[in-house]
C-alpha cells in the first residue's frame, strides 16, 4: 500500500492528479483510481516515533 500511495503522490507532483483528489481516492478504496505502484527499491523505513 505504501508503494501505491507514493506512486499516487508522485503523479500529483507531476501534475497528472490534482491534490484535491487524494482524499477521494483514499476513501473510494478502488485501486484503479490511484497512481501506479512504485518499484520496491529505494523505499525504506527511516524512523519510528511513538
N, C-alpha and C. Protein backbone atom coordinates (compact mmCIF):
# COMPACT_ATOMS: atom_id res chain seq x y z
N UNK A 1 0.82 -1.19 0.00
CA UNK A 1 0.00 0.00 0.00
C UNK A 1 0.87 1.26 0.00
N UNK A 2 1.98 1.22 0.70
CA UNK A 2 2.88 2.38 0.74
C UNK A 2 3.38 2.72 -0.65
N UNK A 3 3.68 1.70 -1.44
CA UNK A 3 4.18 1.94 -2.80
C UNK A 3 3.11 2.56 -3.68
N UNK A 4 1.86 2.20 -3.47
CA UNK A 4 0.75 2.78 -4.23
C UNK A 4 0.56 4.24 -3.85
N UNK A 5 0.58 4.52 -2.54
CA UNK A 5 0.42 5.89 -2.08
C UNK A 5 1.57 6.77 -2.58
N UNK A 6 2.79 6.25 -2.51
CA UNK A 6 3.94 7.01 -3.00
C UNK A 6 3.82 7.27 -4.50
N UNK A 7 3.36 6.28 -5.25
CA UNK A 7 3.17 6.46 -6.69
C UNK A 7 2.09 7.48 -7.00
N UNK A 8 1.04 7.49 -6.19
CA UNK A 8 -0.03 8.47 -6.38
C UNK A 8 0.48 9.87 -6.07
N UNK A 9 1.25 10.01 -5.00
CA UNK A 9 1.81 11.32 -4.66
C UNK A 9 2.80 11.80 -5.72
N UNK A 10 3.52 10.86 -6.32
CA UNK A 10 4.44 11.22 -7.40
C UNK A 10 3.65 11.78 -8.59
N UNK A 11 2.51 11.17 -8.89
CA UNK A 11 1.69 11.65 -10.00
C UNK A 11 1.08 13.01 -9.68
N UNK A 12 0.83 13.30 -8.41
CA UNK A 12 0.39 14.64 -8.02
C UNK A 12 1.51 15.63 -8.33
N UNK A 13 2.73 15.27 -7.96
CA UNK A 13 3.87 16.14 -8.23
C UNK A 13 4.11 16.39 -9.71
N UNK A 14 3.78 15.39 -10.52
CA UNK A 14 3.95 15.53 -11.97
C UNK A 14 2.76 16.24 -12.62
N UNK A 15 1.73 16.54 -11.84
CA UNK A 15 0.56 17.25 -12.37
C UNK A 15 -0.47 16.35 -13.03
N UNK A 16 -0.34 15.03 -12.89
CA UNK A 16 -1.28 14.11 -13.51
C UNK A 16 -2.55 13.93 -12.66
N UNK A 17 -2.43 14.12 -11.36
CA UNK A 17 -3.55 14.03 -10.44
C UNK A 17 -3.55 15.31 -9.61
N UNK A 18 -4.74 15.87 -9.38
CA UNK A 18 -4.84 17.07 -8.56
C UNK A 18 -4.77 16.69 -7.07
N UNK A 19 -4.11 17.51 -6.26
CA UNK A 19 -4.00 17.21 -4.83
C UNK A 19 -5.37 17.04 -4.14
N UNK A 20 -6.37 17.76 -4.63
CA UNK A 20 -7.71 17.69 -4.05
C UNK A 20 -8.36 16.32 -4.24
N UNK A 21 -7.84 15.52 -5.16
CA UNK A 21 -8.41 14.21 -5.46
C UNK A 21 -7.94 13.13 -4.48
N UNK A 22 -6.87 13.38 -3.73
CA UNK A 22 -6.29 12.37 -2.85
C UNK A 22 -7.29 11.84 -1.81
N UNK A 23 -8.00 12.71 -1.06
CA UNK A 23 -8.96 12.16 -0.09
C UNK A 23 -10.02 11.25 -0.73
N UNK A 24 -10.50 11.61 -1.90
CA UNK A 24 -11.50 10.79 -2.58
C UNK A 24 -10.91 9.46 -3.02
N UNK A 25 -9.69 9.47 -3.51
CA UNK A 25 -9.02 8.23 -3.93
C UNK A 25 -8.88 7.29 -2.74
N UNK A 26 -8.46 7.83 -1.60
CA UNK A 26 -8.30 7.00 -0.39
C UNK A 26 -9.66 6.50 0.12
N UNK A 27 -10.67 7.35 0.09
CA UNK A 27 -11.99 6.96 0.59
C UNK A 27 -12.65 5.91 -0.30
N UNK A 28 -12.47 6.02 -1.61
CA UNK A 28 -13.08 5.07 -2.55
C UNK A 28 -12.51 3.67 -2.38
N UNK A 29 -11.20 3.60 -2.13
CA UNK A 29 -10.56 2.29 -1.97
C UNK A 29 -10.44 1.50 -3.26
N UNK A 30 -10.61 2.16 -4.39
CA UNK A 30 -10.51 1.47 -5.68
C UNK A 30 -9.11 1.67 -6.25
N UNK A 31 -8.43 0.58 -6.46
CA UNK A 31 -7.05 0.60 -6.92
C UNK A 31 -6.89 1.34 -8.24
N UNK A 32 -7.85 1.21 -9.13
CA UNK A 32 -7.72 1.81 -10.46
C UNK A 32 -7.75 3.34 -10.43
N UNK A 33 -8.19 3.95 -9.33
CA UNK A 33 -8.21 5.41 -9.22
C UNK A 33 -6.88 5.98 -8.75
N UNK A 34 -6.04 5.14 -8.19
CA UNK A 34 -4.75 5.59 -7.64
C UNK A 34 -3.68 5.60 -8.74
N UNK A 35 -2.51 6.11 -8.39
CA UNK A 35 -1.39 6.13 -9.31
C UNK A 35 -0.75 4.76 -9.42
N UNK A 36 0.29 4.68 -10.23
CA UNK A 36 0.95 3.38 -10.40
C UNK A 36 1.77 3.02 -9.17
N UNK A 37 2.00 1.73 -9.00
CA UNK A 37 2.80 1.22 -7.89
C UNK A 37 4.28 1.46 -8.17
N UNK A 38 4.96 2.07 -7.24
CA UNK A 38 6.40 2.30 -7.41
C UNK A 38 7.16 1.01 -7.16
N UNK A 39 8.34 0.87 -7.75
CA UNK A 39 9.16 -0.32 -7.50
C UNK A 39 9.63 -0.34 -6.04
N UNK A 40 9.93 -1.54 -5.51
CA UNK A 40 10.28 -1.65 -4.10
C UNK A 40 11.63 -1.08 -3.71
N UNK A 41 12.55 -0.97 -4.64
CA UNK A 41 13.86 -0.47 -4.26
C UNK A 41 13.80 1.04 -4.02
N UNK A 42 14.54 1.49 -3.06
CA UNK A 42 14.59 2.92 -2.75
C UNK A 42 13.62 3.34 -1.66
N UNK A 43 12.67 2.49 -1.30
CA UNK A 43 11.74 2.82 -0.22
C UNK A 43 12.21 2.10 1.04
N UNK A 44 12.42 2.84 2.10
CA UNK A 44 12.86 2.22 3.35
C UNK A 44 12.37 3.03 4.53
N UNK A 45 12.26 2.37 5.66
CA UNK A 45 11.82 3.00 6.90
C UNK A 45 12.98 3.75 7.52
N UNK A 46 12.78 5.01 7.79
CA UNK A 46 13.84 5.84 8.36
C UNK A 46 13.73 5.91 9.87
N UNK A 47 12.50 6.05 10.38
CA UNK A 47 12.37 6.28 11.81
C UNK A 47 10.96 5.88 12.26
N UNK A 48 10.88 5.36 13.47
CA UNK A 48 9.59 5.08 14.10
C UNK A 48 9.56 5.89 15.38
N UNK A 49 8.51 6.69 15.53
CA UNK A 49 8.41 7.56 16.71
C UNK A 49 7.06 7.32 17.36
N UNK A 50 7.09 7.07 18.65
CA UNK A 50 5.85 6.85 19.40
C UNK A 50 5.53 8.04 20.25
